C-alpha atoms as a PDB file:
ATOM      1  CA  MET A   1     -17.974   5.912  16.264  1.00  0.00           C
ATOM      2  CA  ARG A   2     -14.812   3.953  15.507  1.00  0.00           C
ATOM      3  CA  ASP A   3     -15.952   1.136  17.905  1.00  0.00           C
ATOM      4  CA  HIS A   4     -19.154   0.537  15.875  1.00  0.00           C
ATOM      5  CA  VAL A   5     -17.305   0.429  12.624  1.00  0.00           C
ATOM      6  CA  GLY A   6     -14.768  -2.049  14.065  1.00  0.00           C
ATOM      7  CA  ILE A   7     -17.370  -4.250  15.453  1.00  0.00           C
ATOM      8  CA  PHE A   8     -19.207  -4.245  12.009  1.00  0.00           C
ATOM      9  CA  PHE A   9     -16.028  -5.118  10.166  1.00  0.00           C
ATOM     10  CA  SER A  10     -15.106  -7.823  12.670  1.00  0.00           C
ATOM     11  CA  ALA A  11     -18.602  -9.432  12.337  1.00  0.00           C
ATOM     12  CA  VAL A  12     -18.186  -9.233   8.560  1.00  0.00           C
ATOM     13  CA  PHE A  13     -14.689 -10.806   8.757  1.00  0.00           C
ATOM     14  CA  LEU A  14     -15.939 -13.551  11.101  1.00  0.00           C
ATOM     15  CA  PHE A  15     -18.899 -14.254   8.795  1.00  0.00           C
ATOM     16  CA  PHE A  16     -17.027 -14.498   5.547  1.00  0.00           C
ATOM     17  CA  GLY A  17     -14.169 -16.363   7.246  1.00  0.00           C
ATOM     18  CA  ALA A  18     -16.552 -19.074   8.535  1.00  0.00           C
ATOM     19  CA  ALA A  19     -18.160 -19.307   5.174  1.00  0.00           C
ATOM     20  CA  ILE A  20     -14.954 -19.727   3.323  1.00  0.00           C
ATOM     21  CA  VAL A  21     -13.701 -22.328   5.843  1.00  0.00           C
ATOM     22  CA  TYR A  22     -16.923 -24.329   5.772  1.00  0.00           C
ATOM     23  CA  ASP A  23     -16.896 -24.237   1.929  1.00  0.00           C
ATOM     24  CA  GLY A  24     -13.133 -25.414   1.873  1.00  0.00           C
ATOM     25  CA  VAL A  25     -13.835 -28.211   4.266  1.00  0.00           C
ATOM     26  CA  SER A  26     -17.008 -29.391   2.665  1.00  0.00           C
ATOM     27  CA  SER A  27     -15.568 -29.778  -0.817  1.00  0.00           C
ATOM     28  CA  HIS A  28     -13.055 -32.080  -2.038  1.00  0.00           C
ATOM     29  CA  ASP A  29     -10.898 -30.627  -4.660  1.00  0.00           C
ATOM     30  CA  ALA A  30      -7.436 -29.126  -5.290  1.00  0.00           C
ATOM     31  CA  GLY A  31      -8.175 -25.673  -3.940  1.00  0.00           C
ATOM     32  CA  GLN A  32      -9.577 -26.979  -0.660  1.00  0.00           C
ATOM     33  CA  SER A  33      -6.537 -26.309   1.476  1.00  0.00           C
ATOM     34  CA  ALA A  34      -6.129 -22.744  -0.028  1.00  0.00           C
ATOM     35  CA  ARG A  35      -9.841 -21.963   0.818  1.00  0.00           C
ATOM     36  CA  VAL A  36      -9.286 -23.247   4.421  1.00  0.00           C
ATOM     37  CA  LEU A  37      -6.240 -21.217   4.850  1.00  0.00           C
ATOM     38  CA  ALA A  38      -7.914 -18.081   3.483  1.00  0.00           C
ATOM     39  CA  GLY A  39     -10.979 -18.636   5.676  1.00  0.00           C
ATOM     40  CA  ALA A  40      -8.725 -19.143   8.722  1.00  0.00           C
ATOM     41  CA  ALA A  41      -6.801 -15.910   7.961  1.00  0.00           C
ATOM     42  CA  ILE A  42      -9.967 -13.939   7.649  1.00  0.00           C
ATOM     43  CA  LEU A  43     -11.371 -15.519  10.766  1.00  0.00           C
ATOM     44  CA  ALA A  44      -8.181 -14.444  12.637  1.00  0.00           C
ATOM     45  CA  LEU A  45      -8.569 -10.976  11.163  1.00  0.00           C
ATOM     46  CA  GLY A  46     -12.128 -10.824  12.600  1.00  0.00           C
ATOM     47  CA  ILE A  47     -11.131 -12.123  16.010  1.00  0.00           C
ATOM     48  CA  THR A  48      -8.218  -9.751  16.266  1.00  0.00           C
ATOM     49  CA  THR A  49     -10.300  -6.712  15.116  1.00  0.00           C
ATOM     50  CA  MET A  50     -12.923  -7.655  17.883  1.00  0.00           C
ATOM     51  CA  ARG A  51     -10.323  -8.104  20.546  1.00  0.00           C
ATOM     52  CA  LEU A  52      -8.764  -4.627  19.813  1.00  0.00           C
ATOM     53  CA  VAL A  53     -12.140  -2.898  19.826  1.00  0.00           C
ATOM     54  CA  LEU A  54     -13.164  -4.394  23.089  1.00  0.00           C
ATOM     55  CA  ARG A  55      -9.814  -3.775  24.769  1.00  0.00           C
ATOM     56  CA  ASN A  56     -10.040  -0.088  23.653  1.00  0.00           C
ATOM     57  CA  TRP A  57     -13.690   0.121  24.780  1.00  0.00           C
ATOM     58  CA  TRP A  58     -12.648  -1.297  28.198  1.00  0.00           C
ATOM     59  CA  LYS A  59      -9.847   1.172  28.435  1.00  0.00           C
ATOM     60  CA  GLU A  60     -12.008   4.150  27.666  1.00  0.00           C
ATOM     61  CA  ARG A  61     -14.670   2.897  30.021  1.00  0.00           C
ATOM     62  CA  LYS A  62     -12.141   2.668  32.889  1.00  0.00           C
ATOM     63  CA  LEU A  63     -10.513   6.080  32.199  1.00  0.00           C
ATOM     64  CA  TYR A  64     -14.063   7.618  32.118  1.00  0.00           C
ATOM     65  CA  ARG A  65     -14.898   6.138  35.546  1.00  0.00           C
ATOM     66  CA  GLU A  66     -11.504   7.285  36.999  1.00  0.00           C
ATOM     67  CA  SER A  67     -12.180  10.906  35.798  1.00  0.00           C
ATOM     68  CA  ARG A  68     -15.629  10.748  37.174  1.00  0.00           C
ATOM     69  CA  SER A  69     -14.532   9.521  40.567  1.00  0.00           C
ATOM     70  CA  ALA A  70     -11.760  12.259  40.682  1.00  0.00           C
ATOM     71  CA  SER A  71     -14.149  14.992  39.809  1.00  0.00           C
ATOM     72  CA  ARG A  72     -16.395  13.932  42.619  1.00  0.00           C
ATOM     73  CA  GLU A  73     -13.624  13.814  45.091  1.00  0.00           C
ATOM     74  CA  ASN A  74     -12.561  17.378  44.093  1.00  0.00           C
ATOM     75  CA  GLU A  75     -16.227  18.675  44.572  1.00  0.00           C
ATOM     76  CA  THR A  76     -16.253  17.604  48.186  1.00  0.00           C
END
């Protein structure tokens, strides 16, 4: 369940970060650099969240396979 929530929030962060960066780059005003930095921070948060979710999923998958193979070895 946590993985689904993490993937959802990382997608939301990536979408809003990209929108803020695009808005900051496409406009030419005094707050442009602040918008670009805020968008980049939100993009980084989304990428970090996605990386952590995928790392945890991969680790759980590996442990599950190892436990299944160990249980099969014990049966024979």
